[in-house]
Amino acid sequence: MLGPVLAFAKLDVPLQDLDLSHDINTAQSSQWVDHVNSACYEGRWDVLPLLVPKEHVDSHIILQSFPFGNESQWVESHFLKKLPIIKALIARFQCEVLSARLMRLHNNAYIKPHRDQGLSLEASSQARIHIPLETTPDVRFQVDNALVPMDVNSVWYINADAEHSVKNLGDTPRTNLVIDCNVNEWLFNLIVNSKSKTYCCKKVS
């Protein structure tokens, strides 16, 4: 692999005009499911699926939240239909959006260092976006040992192919909107032209 590898970048996607409070409250009262990879974390980490594989739209929430294989089409879950502002937020991405989930890391929980193989700008045509909807200064999100300064309603590209981990040392849950996208010219330019980006210390293969 030639050239530097991005670890993360803050994206210029304005959200200040969106009042997400009602949708967040609605989401918090919905049915969430614990992350199935229990070996990957300590404490509690759960998921609410928003865009799901069409073949699982009426399936159990576990199949909606953790799809396997090459899904051909992604559609709204019945959860997203109740969250119009979050739906409008997702629509601001001028690229093909694949999965979208709310991921809630409860207080005193820890996502262990891991990699999502191939999920990065350099390794594939897909990118992972994180948007913190609820967080505290006591959340430590690290990519390649570098701290990502995730404030509420900021938008971040994360190199998920690099080693990353999250600790919530606060007293309240952290909730991120996590979106996987196919990278087109719009998203590529948004990422590489970011004025706030960090490169990996070592090559990611």
C-alpha atoms as a PDB file:
ATOM      1  CA  MET A   1       0.000   0.000   0.000  1.00  0.00           C
ATOM      2  CA  LEU A   2       1.450   3.354  -1.025  1.00  0.00           C
ATOM      3  CA  GLY A   3       1.095   6.649   0.795  1.00  0.00           C
ATOM      4  CA  PRO A   4      -0.256   7.493   4.259  1.00  0.00           C
ATOM      5  CA  VAL A   5      -3.288   5.713   5.665  1.00  0.00           C
ATOM      6  CA  LEU A   6      -6.043   7.761   7.305  1.00  0.00           C
ATOM      7  CA  ALA A   7      -7.014   6.788  10.835  1.00  0.00           C
ATOM      8  CA  PHE A   8      -9.984   9.164  11.105  1.00  0.00           C
ATOM      9  CA  ALA A   9     -11.276  12.490   9.780  1.00  0.00           C
ATOM     10  CA  LYS A  10     -13.903  14.987  10.917  1.00  0.00           C
ATOM     11  CA  LEU A  11     -16.391  15.608   8.105  1.00  0.00           C
ATOM     12  CA  ASP A  12     -18.092  18.854   7.207  1.00  0.00           C
ATOM     13  CA  VAL A  13     -21.710  17.668   7.404  1.00  0.00           C
ATOM     14  CA  PRO A  14     -23.702  20.336   9.307  1.00  0.00           C
ATOM     15  CA  LEU A  15     -26.226  19.062  11.836  1.00  0.00           C
ATOM     16  CA  GLN A  16     -26.827  22.182  13.929  1.00  0.00           C
ATOM     17  CA  ASP A  17     -30.275  22.749  12.428  1.00  0.00           C
ATOM     18  CA  LEU A  18     -31.555  19.306  13.415  1.00  0.00           C
ATOM     19  CA  ASP A  19     -33.249  18.878  16.789  1.00  0.00           C
ATOM     20  CA  LEU A  20     -32.613  15.217  17.513  1.00  0.00           C
ATOM     21  CA  SER A  21     -33.840  15.211  21.120  1.00  0.00           C
ATOM     22  CA  HIS A  22     -37.298  13.727  20.434  1.00  0.00           C
ATOM     23  CA  ASP A  23     -35.913  11.007  18.175  1.00  0.00           C
ATOM     24  CA  ILE A  24     -33.240  10.123  20.725  1.00  0.00           C
ATOM     25  CA  ASN A  25     -35.853   9.769  23.452  1.00  0.00           C
ATOM     26  CA  THR A  26     -38.021   7.633  21.165  1.00  0.00           C
ATOM     27  CA  ALA A  27     -35.066   5.437  20.266  1.00  0.00           C
ATOM     28  CA  GLN A  28     -34.048   4.946  23.888  1.00  0.00           C
ATOM     29  CA  SER A  29     -37.489   3.549  24.689  1.00  0.00           C
ATOM     30  CA  SER A  30     -37.337   1.082  21.764  1.00  0.00           C
ATOM     31  CA  GLN A  31     -36.271  -2.552  21.764  1.00  0.00           C
ATOM     32  CA  TRP A  32     -32.482  -2.836  21.535  1.00  0.00           C
ATOM     33  CA  VAL A  33     -30.440  -6.009  21.195  1.00  0.00           C
ATOM     34  CA  ASP A  34     -27.115  -6.818  22.855  1.00  0.00           C
ATOM     35  CA  HIS A  35     -24.164  -6.986  20.478  1.00  0.00           C
ATOM     36  CA  VAL A  36     -23.741 -10.624  19.503  1.00  0.00           C
ATOM     37  CA  ASN A  37     -19.922 -10.634  19.657  1.00  0.00           C
ATOM     38  CA  SER A  38     -19.759 -10.835  23.432  1.00  0.00           C
ATOM     39  CA  ALA A  39     -16.042 -11.697  23.383  1.00  0.00           C
ATOM     40  CA  CYS A  40     -15.327  -8.280  21.853  1.00  0.00           C
ATOM     41  CA  TYR A  41     -16.489  -6.195  24.825  1.00  0.00           C
ATOM     42  CA  GLU A  42     -16.987  -5.954  28.557  1.00  0.00           C
ATOM     43  CA  GLY A  43     -20.059  -4.449  30.203  1.00  0.00           C
ATOM     44  CA  ARG A  44     -23.075  -3.684  28.018  1.00  0.00           C
ATOM     45  CA  TRP A  45     -23.120  -2.701  24.339  1.00  0.00           C
ATOM     46  CA  ASP A  46     -26.376  -2.809  22.397  1.00  0.00           C
ATOM     47  CA  VAL A  47     -27.776  -1.973  18.977  1.00  0.00           C
ATOM     48  CA  LEU A  48     -30.923  -0.574  17.330  1.00  0.00           C
ATOM     49  CA  PRO A  49     -31.086  -1.344  13.570  1.00  0.00           C
ATOM     50  CA  LEU A  50     -32.244   1.492  11.286  1.00  0.00           C
ATOM     51  CA  LEU A  51     -31.395   0.405   7.728  1.00  0.00           C
ATOM     52  CA  VAL A  52     -31.585  -3.357   7.363  1.00  0.00           C
ATOM     53  CA  PRO A  53     -31.324  -5.995   4.607  1.00  0.00           C
ATOM     54  CA  LYS A  54     -34.605  -6.191   2.722  1.00  0.00           C
ATOM     55  CA  GLU A  55     -34.802  -9.942   3.301  1.00  0.00           C
ATOM     56  CA  HIS A  56     -34.711  -9.375   7.072  1.00  0.00           C
ATOM     57  CA  VAL A  57     -37.075  -6.412   7.388  1.00  0.00           C
ATOM     58  CA  ASP A  58     -39.658  -8.632   9.121  1.00  0.00           C
ATOM     59  CA  SER A  59     -37.129 -10.939  10.788  1.00  0.00           C
ATOM     60  CA  HIS A  60     -35.884 -11.089  14.354  1.00  0.00           C
ATOM     61  CA  ILE A  61     -33.996  -7.975  15.479  1.00  0.00           C
ATOM     62  CA  ILE A  62     -30.746  -9.948  15.679  1.00  0.00           C
ATOM     63  CA  LEU A  63     -30.847 -10.677  11.929  1.00  0.00           C
ATOM     64  CA  GLN A  64     -31.631  -7.007  11.266  1.00  0.00           C
ATOM     65  CA  SER A  65     -28.778  -5.786  13.454  1.00  0.00           C
ATOM     66  CA  PHE A  66     -26.015  -8.195  12.429  1.00  0.00           C
ATOM     67  CA  PRO A  67     -26.424  -9.146   8.754  1.00  0.00           C
ATOM     68  CA  PHE A  68     -24.079 -11.621   7.122  1.00  0.00           C
ATOM     69  CA  GLY A  69     -23.128 -11.972   3.475  1.00  0.00           C
ATOM     70  CA  ASN A  70     -23.667  -9.605   0.560  1.00  0.00           C
ATOM     71  CA  GLU A  71     -27.047  -7.989   1.038  1.00  0.00           C
ATOM     72  CA  SER A  72     -28.515  -6.691  -2.212  1.00  0.00           C
ATOM     73  CA  GLN A  73     -30.777  -3.951  -0.865  1.00  0.00           C
ATOM     74  CA  TRP A  74     -31.074  -1.979   2.377  1.00  0.00           C
ATOM     75  CA  VAL A  75     -34.432  -0.658   3.549  1.00  0.00           C
ATOM     76  CA  GLU A  76     -35.914   1.210   6.507  1.00  0.00           C
ATOM     77  CA  SER A  77     -36.559  -0.790   9.629  1.00  0.00           C
ATOM     78  CA  HIS A  78     -39.777  -0.193  11.531  1.00  0.00           C
ATOM     79  CA  PHE A  79     -37.605   1.586  14.126  1.00  0.00           C
ATOM     80  CA  LEU A  80     -36.393   4.195  11.623  1.00  0.00           C
ATOM     81  CA  LYS A  81     -39.971   4.932  10.541  1.00  0.00           C
ATOM     82  CA  LYS A  82     -40.488   6.377  14.043  1.00  0.00           C
ATOM     83  CA  LEU A  83     -37.347   8.552  13.858  1.00  0.00           C
ATOM     84  CA  PRO A  84     -37.943  11.194  11.130  1.00  0.00           C
ATOM     85  CA  ILE A  85     -35.121  13.531  12.159  1.00  0.00           C
ATOM     86  CA  ILE A  86     -32.525  10.770  12.271  1.00  0.00           C
ATOM     87  CA  LYS A  87     -33.859   9.646   8.879  1.00  0.00           C
ATOM     88  CA  ALA A  88     -33.321  13.202   7.583  1.00  0.00           C
ATOM     89  CA  LEU A  89     -29.791  13.142   8.995  1.00  0.00           C
ATOM     90  CA  ILE A  90     -28.974   9.926   7.134  1.00  0.00           C
ATOM     91  CA  ALA A  91     -30.418  11.467   3.946  1.00  0.00           C
ATOM     92  CA  ARG A  92     -27.743  14.196   4.073  1.00  0.00           C
ATOM     93  CA  PHE A  93     -25.189  11.663   2.893  1.00  0.00           C
ATOM     94  CA  GLN A  94     -25.056  12.076  -0.867  1.00  0.00           C
ATOM     95  CA  CYS A  95     -23.866   8.541  -1.457  1.00  0.00           C
ATOM     96  CA  GLU A  96     -25.266   5.038  -1.264  1.00  0.00           C
ATOM     97  CA  VAL A  97     -25.926   4.268   2.394  1.00  0.00           C
ATOM     98  CA  LEU A  98     -25.857   0.605   3.319  1.00  0.00           C
ATOM     99  CA  SER A  99     -26.414  -0.285   6.959  1.00  0.00           C
ATOM    100  CA  ALA A 100     -27.280   2.257   9.643  1.00  0.00           C
ATOM    101  CA  ARG A 101     -27.502   1.457  13.343  1.00  0.00           C
ATOM    102  CA  LEU A 102     -27.635   3.178  16.685  1.00  0.00           C
ATOM    103  CA  MET A 103     -24.923   1.694  18.892  1.00  0.00           C
ATOM    104  CA  ARG A 104     -25.127   2.338  22.610  1.00  0.00           C
ATOM    105  CA  LEU A 105     -22.152   1.744  24.895  1.00  0.00           C
ATOM    106  CA  HIS A 106     -23.317   1.802  28.481  1.00  0.00           C
ATOM    107  CA  ASN A 107     -21.416   3.381  31.344  1.00  0.00           C
ATOM    108  CA  ASN A 108     -18.330   1.497  32.531  1.00  0.00           C
ATOM    109  CA  ALA A 109     -18.331  -0.612  29.352  1.00  0.00           C
ATOM    110  CA  TYR A 110     -15.346  -1.320  27.115  1.00  0.00           C
ATOM    111  CA  ILE A 111     -15.106  -2.345  23.452  1.00  0.00           C
ATOM    112  CA  LYS A 112     -11.814  -4.191  23.191  1.00  0.00           C
ATOM    113  CA  PRO A 113      -9.206  -3.399  20.504  1.00  0.00           C
ATOM    114  CA  HIS A 114     -10.282  -5.025  17.252  1.00  0.00           C
ATOM    115  CA  ARG A 115     -10.352  -4.542  13.467  1.00  0.00           C
ATOM    116  CA  ASP A 116     -13.212  -4.770  10.969  1.00  0.00           C
ATOM    117  CA  GLN A 117     -11.211  -6.308   8.154  1.00  0.00           C
ATOM    118  CA  GLY A 118     -11.236  -4.347   4.901  1.00  0.00           C
ATOM    119  CA  LEU A 119     -13.581  -1.552   6.036  1.00  0.00           C
ATOM    120  CA  SER A 120     -11.648   1.587   5.134  1.00  0.00           C
ATOM    121  CA  LEU A 121     -11.140   4.115   2.374  1.00  0.00           C
ATOM    122  CA  GLU A 122      -7.868   2.481   1.322  1.00  0.00           C
ATOM    123  CA  ALA A 123      -8.894  -1.160   1.645  1.00  0.00           C
ATOM    124  CA  SER A 124     -12.293  -1.143  -0.049  1.00  0.00           C
ATOM    125  CA  SER A 125     -14.998   0.976  -1.636  1.00  0.00           C
ATOM    126  CA  GLN A 126     -16.801   1.306   1.696  1.00  0.00           C
ATOM    127  CA  ALA A 127     -16.449   3.698   4.626  1.00  0.00           C
ATOM    128  CA  ARG A 128     -17.778   3.752   8.191  1.00  0.00           C
ATOM    129  CA  ILE A 129     -19.186   6.974   9.627  1.00  0.00           C
ATOM    130  CA  HIS A 130     -19.733   7.679  13.344  1.00  0.00           C
ATOM    131  CA  ILE A 131     -22.033  10.445  14.625  1.00  0.00           C
ATOM    132  CA  PRO A 132     -22.193  10.735  18.433  1.00  0.00           C
ATOM    133  CA  LEU A 133     -25.739  11.638  19.511  1.00  0.00           C
ATOM    134  CA  GLU A 134     -25.129  11.233  23.240  1.00  0.00           C
ATOM    135  CA  THR A 135     -21.699  11.220  24.832  1.00  0.00           C
ATOM    136  CA  THR A 136     -19.561  12.583  27.652  1.00  0.00           C
ATOM    137  CA  PRO A 137     -15.943  13.756  27.939  1.00  0.00           C
ATOM    138  CA  ASP A 138     -15.281  10.430  29.681  1.00  0.00           C
ATOM    139  CA  VAL A 139     -15.669   8.404  26.475  1.00  0.00           C
ATOM    140  CA  ARG A 140     -12.352   7.337  24.937  1.00  0.00           C
ATOM    141  CA  PHE A 141     -12.635   6.318  21.275  1.00  0.00           C
ATOM    142  CA  GLN A 142      -9.224   5.373  19.891  1.00  0.00           C
ATOM    143  CA  VAL A 143      -8.070   4.430  16.388  1.00  0.00           C
ATOM    144  CA  ASP A 144      -4.485   3.216  16.022  1.00  0.00           C
ATOM    145  CA  ASN A 145      -3.887   4.456  19.610  1.00  0.00           C
ATOM    146  CA  ALA A 146      -4.963   8.024  18.682  1.00  0.00           C
ATOM    147  CA  LEU A 147      -7.906   9.602  20.505  1.00  0.00           C
ATOM    148  CA  VAL A 148     -10.855  10.679  18.334  1.00  0.00           C
ATOM    149  CA  PRO A 149     -12.319  13.895  19.861  1.00  0.00           C
ATOM    150  CA  MET A 150     -15.969  12.993  19.302  1.00  0.00           C
ATOM    151  CA  ASP A 151     -18.291  15.782  20.396  1.00  0.00           C
ATOM    152  CA  VAL A 152     -22.081  15.459  20.181  1.00  0.00           C
ATOM    153  CA  ASN A 153     -23.397  15.857  16.610  1.00  0.00           C
ATOM    154  CA  SER A 154     -19.949  15.864  15.030  1.00  0.00           C
ATOM    155  CA  VAL A 155     -19.438  13.551  12.036  1.00  0.00           C
ATOM    156  CA  TRP A 156     -16.427  11.257  11.695  1.00  0.00           C
ATOM    157  CA  TYR A 157     -14.980   8.899   9.140  1.00  0.00           C
ATOM    158  CA  ILE A 158     -13.320   6.020  10.992  1.00  0.00           C
ATOM    159  CA  ASN A 159     -10.799   3.622   9.511  1.00  0.00           C
ATOM    160  CA  ALA A 160     -12.401   0.476  10.912  1.00  0.00           C
ATOM    161  CA  ASP A 161      -9.693  -1.642   9.265  1.00  0.00           C
ATOM    162  CA  ALA A 162      -7.237  -0.146  11.779  1.00  0.00           C
ATOM    163  CA  GLU A 163      -7.220  -1.315  15.370  1.00  0.00           C
ATOM    164  CA  HIS A 164      -9.796   0.636  17.383  1.00  0.00           C
ATOM    165  CA  SER A 165     -11.360   0.510  20.834  1.00  0.00           C
ATOM    166  CA  VAL A 166     -13.825   2.451  22.983  1.00  0.00           C
ATOM    167  CA  LYS A 167     -14.103   2.955  26.749  1.00  0.00           C
ATOM    168  CA  ASN A 168     -17.040   4.672  28.415  1.00  0.00           C
ATOM    169  CA  LEU A 169     -15.711   5.813  31.776  1.00  0.00           C
ATOM    170  CA  GLY A 170     -18.678   8.118  32.374  1.00  0.00           C
ATOM    171  CA  ASP A 171     -21.917   7.690  34.306  1.00  0.00           C
ATOM    172  CA  THR A 172     -24.276   7.664  31.313  1.00  0.00           C
ATOM    173  CA  PRO A 173     -24.487   5.699  28.033  1.00  0.00           C
ATOM    174  CA  ARG A 174     -22.818   6.859  24.835  1.00  0.00           C
ATOM    175  CA  THR A 175     -24.989   6.549  21.708  1.00  0.00           C
ATOM    176  CA  ASN A 176     -23.510   6.769  18.213  1.00  0.00           C
ATOM    177  CA  LEU A 177     -25.249   6.646  14.854  1.00  0.00           C
ATOM    178  CA  VAL A 178     -23.054   4.317  12.786  1.00  0.00           C
ATOM    179  CA  ILE A 179     -23.436   4.348   9.006  1.00  0.00           C
ATOM    180  CA  ASP A 180     -21.677   2.203   6.402  1.00  0.00           C
ATOM    181  CA  CYS A 181     -21.541   3.790   2.939  1.00  0.00           C
ATOM    182  CA  ASN A 182     -20.308   3.039  -0.539  1.00  0.00           C
ATOM    183  CA  VAL A 183     -17.676   5.661  -1.313  1.00  0.00           C
ATOM    184  CA  ASN A 184     -18.468   7.919  -4.265  1.00  0.00           C
ATOM    185  CA  GLU A 185     -16.784  11.147  -5.396  1.00  0.00           C
ATOM    186  CA  TRP A 186     -18.806  13.246  -2.915  1.00  0.00           C
ATOM    187  CA  LEU A 187     -17.833  11.168   0.114  1.00  0.00           C
ATOM    188  CA  PHE A 188     -14.245  10.673  -1.032  1.00  0.00           C
ATOM    189  CA  ASN A 189     -13.732  14.429  -1.374  1.00  0.00           C
ATOM    190  CA  LEU A 190     -15.420  15.057   1.980  1.00  0.00           C
ATOM    191  CA  ILE A 191     -12.981  12.698   3.685  1.00  0.00           C
ATOM    192  CA  VAL A 192      -9.717  13.623   1.986  1.00  0.00           C
ATOM    193  CA  ASN A 193     -10.425  17.377   2.180  1.00  0.00           C
ATOM    194  CA  SER A 194     -11.134  17.267   5.909  1.00  0.00           C
ATOM    195  CA  LYS A 195      -9.300  19.989   7.825  1.00  0.00           C
ATOM    196  CA  SER A 196      -9.181  17.734  10.885  1.00  0.00           C
ATOM    197  CA  LYS A 197      -7.730  14.311  10.135  1.00  0.00           C
ATOM    198  CA  THR A 198      -5.175  11.959  11.637  1.00  0.00           C
ATOM    199  CA  TYR A 199      -3.045   9.348   9.926  1.00  0.00           C
ATOM    200  CA  CYS A 200      -2.188   5.906  11.216  1.00  0.00           C
ATOM    201  CA  CYS A 201       1.174   5.545  12.904  1.00  0.00           C
ATOM    202  CA  LYS A 202       1.769   2.266  11.116  1.00  0.00           C
ATOM    203  CA  LYS A 203       0.671   0.772   7.831  1.00  0.00           C
ATOM    204  CA  VAL A 204      -2.661  -1.079   7.919  1.00  0.00           C
ATOM    205  CA  SER A 205      -2.766  -4.106   5.636  1.00  0.00           C
END
